[in-house]
Amino acid sequence: MGKVKDPWAKVIRYLRNSKRDPDKTLKLLKGGDKGTESNYTINRSSYSMNCIAVITQKRMDPKNKGLPLTQVIRNWVKTKDFKDFYNLLRSTENLKYDISLVEKYVKQIKDLWTKPNQQKYRKYFAMTKGKVLIQTGPVGTKARKLNLKTKR
């Protein structure tokens, strides 16, 4: 009978021949374990959703009627609300809000808004007016799905 080939041989050979730190590589691999989410991954995923929800609320506010998207974002980024939000969600990355970086924040949030993979959040928050709907009811019932089709 033939020798059984180790399916991990290529990976191990690559790791041994590369200039990678074994401890950092192991930490990276463990961080991706199913069911294990770090604060970093939770914050990264919720940052974009929260930004889109707030921008949707701001755009629906009558006092912002007629303002371009960039101005709505800039107005929000200059507030204490954004400063607290940014410091809370970016603390795991050791990032702090800096007023001199307002234009950078505006560009990042506008890029987030226009990304095609964020379209589902834009549709959802447009329907819910920037709010997250939480279903209540008995345990075990099927969740109702929102109809995310756009009105034409």
Protein backbone atom coordinates (compact mmCIF):
# COMPACT_ATOMS: atom_id res chain seq x y z
CA MET A 1 0.00 0.00 0.00
CA GLY A 2 1.05 3.56 -0.70
CA LYS A 3 2.02 6.12 1.86
CA VAL A 4 -0.81 8.45 2.95
CA LYS A 5 0.03 12.03 2.03
CA ASP A 6 -0.42 14.63 4.76
CA PRO A 7 -2.98 17.22 3.55
CA TRP A 8 -1.27 19.91 5.66
CA ALA A 9 2.22 19.30 4.26
CA LYS A 10 2.08 22.23 1.82
CA VAL A 11 0.88 24.63 4.49
CA ILE A 12 3.53 23.56 6.99
CA ARG A 13 6.25 23.75 4.34
CA TYR A 14 5.14 27.28 3.42
CA LEU A 15 5.07 28.42 7.05
CA ARG A 16 8.51 26.99 7.75
CA ASN A 17 10.04 28.66 4.68
CA SER A 18 8.41 32.06 5.16
CA LYS A 19 9.52 34.78 7.53
CA ARG A 20 6.37 34.62 9.63
CA ASP A 21 6.21 34.80 13.40
CA PRO A 22 4.78 31.44 14.59
CA ASP A 23 3.00 32.97 17.60
CA LYS A 24 1.30 35.65 15.49
CA THR A 25 0.31 33.09 12.86
CA LEU A 26 -1.20 30.81 15.48
CA LYS A 27 -3.06 33.72 17.07
CA LEU A 28 -4.42 34.69 13.64
CA LEU A 29 -5.60 31.14 12.96
CA LYS A 30 -7.23 30.78 16.37
CA GLY A 31 -8.99 34.12 15.92
CA GLY A 32 -10.76 32.71 12.88
CA ASP A 33 -12.19 29.71 14.73
CA LYS A 34 -15.89 29.30 14.15
CA GLY A 35 -17.90 30.58 17.08
CA THR A 36 -15.02 32.64 18.43
CA GLU A 37 -15.33 36.35 17.78
CA SER A 38 -13.02 38.92 19.24
CA ASN A 39 -14.04 42.46 20.12
CA TYR A 40 -12.06 43.55 17.07
CA THR A 41 -14.16 41.51 14.62
CA ILE A 42 -17.41 42.50 16.30
CA ASN A 43 -16.47 46.19 16.21
CA ARG A 44 -15.32 46.01 12.59
CA SER A 45 -18.60 44.51 11.43
CA SER A 46 -20.82 46.80 13.49
CA TYR A 47 -18.92 50.00 12.61
CA SER A 48 -20.14 50.05 9.01
CA MET A 49 -23.69 49.11 9.94
CA ASN A 50 -23.88 51.85 12.58
CA CYS A 51 -22.41 54.46 10.23
CA ILE A 52 -24.99 53.65 7.56
CA ALA A 53 -27.82 53.74 10.12
CA VAL A 54 -26.78 57.15 11.44
CA ILE A 55 -26.25 58.64 7.97
CA THR A 56 -29.70 57.36 6.95
CA GLN A 57 -31.23 59.05 10.01
CA LYS A 58 -29.33 62.28 9.32
CA ARG A 59 -30.41 62.33 5.66
CA MET A 60 -34.07 61.88 6.68
CA ASP A 61 -33.84 64.76 9.16
CA PRO A 62 -35.73 67.79 7.76
CA LYS A 63 -32.92 70.18 8.76
CA ASN A 64 -30.54 68.32 6.41
CA LYS A 65 -32.96 68.40 3.46
CA GLY A 66 -31.16 69.41 0.29
CA LEU A 67 -27.64 68.97 1.73
CA PRO A 68 -25.25 66.77 -0.23
CA LEU A 69 -24.24 63.45 1.33
CA THR A 70 -20.68 64.65 1.96
CA GLN A 71 -21.93 67.65 3.96
CA VAL A 72 -24.28 65.48 6.03
CA ILE A 73 -21.38 63.16 6.86
CA ARG A 74 -19.03 66.08 7.62
CA ASN A 75 -21.58 67.66 9.97
CA TRP A 76 -21.91 64.35 11.86
CA VAL A 77 -18.15 63.72 12.00
CA LYS A 78 -17.62 67.07 13.73
CA THR A 79 -20.03 66.23 16.59
CA LYS A 80 -19.31 64.83 20.06
CA ASP A 81 -21.63 61.95 19.15
CA PHE A 82 -19.27 60.80 16.40
CA LYS A 83 -16.21 61.33 18.59
CA ASP A 84 -17.66 59.06 21.30
CA PHE A 85 -18.81 56.51 18.70
CA TYR A 86 -15.39 56.44 17.01
CA ASN A 87 -13.45 56.14 20.28
CA LEU A 88 -15.72 53.32 21.48
CA LEU A 89 -15.60 51.18 18.34
CA ARG A 90 -11.98 51.85 17.39
CA SER A 91 -10.47 51.45 20.88
CA THR A 92 -9.48 47.82 20.15
CA GLU A 93 -7.31 49.18 17.30
CA ASN A 94 -5.77 51.82 19.61
CA LEU A 95 -7.25 54.60 17.47
CA LYS A 96 -8.53 57.85 18.95
CA TYR A 97 -10.61 60.57 17.34
CA ASP A 98 -8.52 63.45 15.99
CA ILE A 99 -10.25 66.64 14.84
CA SER A 100 -7.48 67.25 12.29
CA LEU A 101 -8.53 64.04 10.48
CA VAL A 102 -12.13 65.09 9.81
CA GLU A 103 -11.70 64.94 6.02
CA LYS A 104 -10.19 61.45 6.29
CA TYR A 105 -13.18 60.27 8.36
CA VAL A 106 -15.59 61.86 5.86
CA LYS A 107 -13.90 60.07 2.96
CA GLN A 108 -13.88 56.72 4.80
CA ILE A 109 -17.56 56.94 5.69
CA LYS A 110 -18.57 58.09 2.21
CA ASP A 111 -16.58 55.18 0.71
CA LEU A 112 -18.35 52.87 3.15
CA TRP A 113 -21.72 54.28 2.08
CA THR A 114 -21.04 53.76 -1.62
CA LYS A 115 -19.60 50.22 -1.37
CA PRO A 116 -21.80 47.71 -3.21
CA ASN A 117 -21.55 45.18 -0.36
CA GLN A 118 -23.20 47.72 1.99
CA GLN A 119 -26.28 48.01 -0.21
CA LYS A 120 -28.26 45.60 1.98
CA TYR A 121 -27.78 47.92 4.98
CA ARG A 122 -28.77 51.01 2.96
CA LYS A 123 -31.98 49.30 1.82
CA TYR A 124 -32.79 47.99 5.29
CA PHE A 125 -32.22 51.32 7.05
CA ALA A 126 -34.09 53.23 4.34
CA MET A 127 -37.12 51.03 5.06
CA THR A 128 -36.77 51.27 8.85
CA LYS A 129 -35.84 54.98 8.87
CA GLY A 130 -32.40 54.25 10.31
CA LYS A 131 -33.62 52.02 13.13
CA VAL A 132 -32.82 48.38 13.91
CA LEU A 133 -36.03 46.41 14.30
CA ILE A 134 -35.98 43.69 16.92
CA GLN A 135 -38.57 40.96 16.71
CA THR A 136 -40.43 40.10 19.87
CA GLY A 137 -42.53 37.07 20.43
CA PRO A 138 -42.46 33.54 21.75
CA VAL A 139 -39.26 31.52 21.41
CA GLY A 140 -39.25 29.09 18.51
CA THR A 141 -41.38 31.09 16.11
CA LYS A 142 -40.02 31.79 12.67
CA ALA A 143 -38.58 35.23 12.21
CA ARG A 144 -40.43 37.46 9.77
CA LYS A 145 -38.30 38.59 6.90
CA LEU A 146 -38.46 42.16 5.71
CA ASN A 147 -39.19 42.64 2.05
CA LEU A 148 -36.04 44.51 0.95
CA LYS A 149 -37.20 45.13 -2.62
CA THR A 150 -36.97 48.73 -3.64
CA LYS A 151 -40.12 50.57 -4.61
CA ARG A 152 -40.27 51.61 -8.23
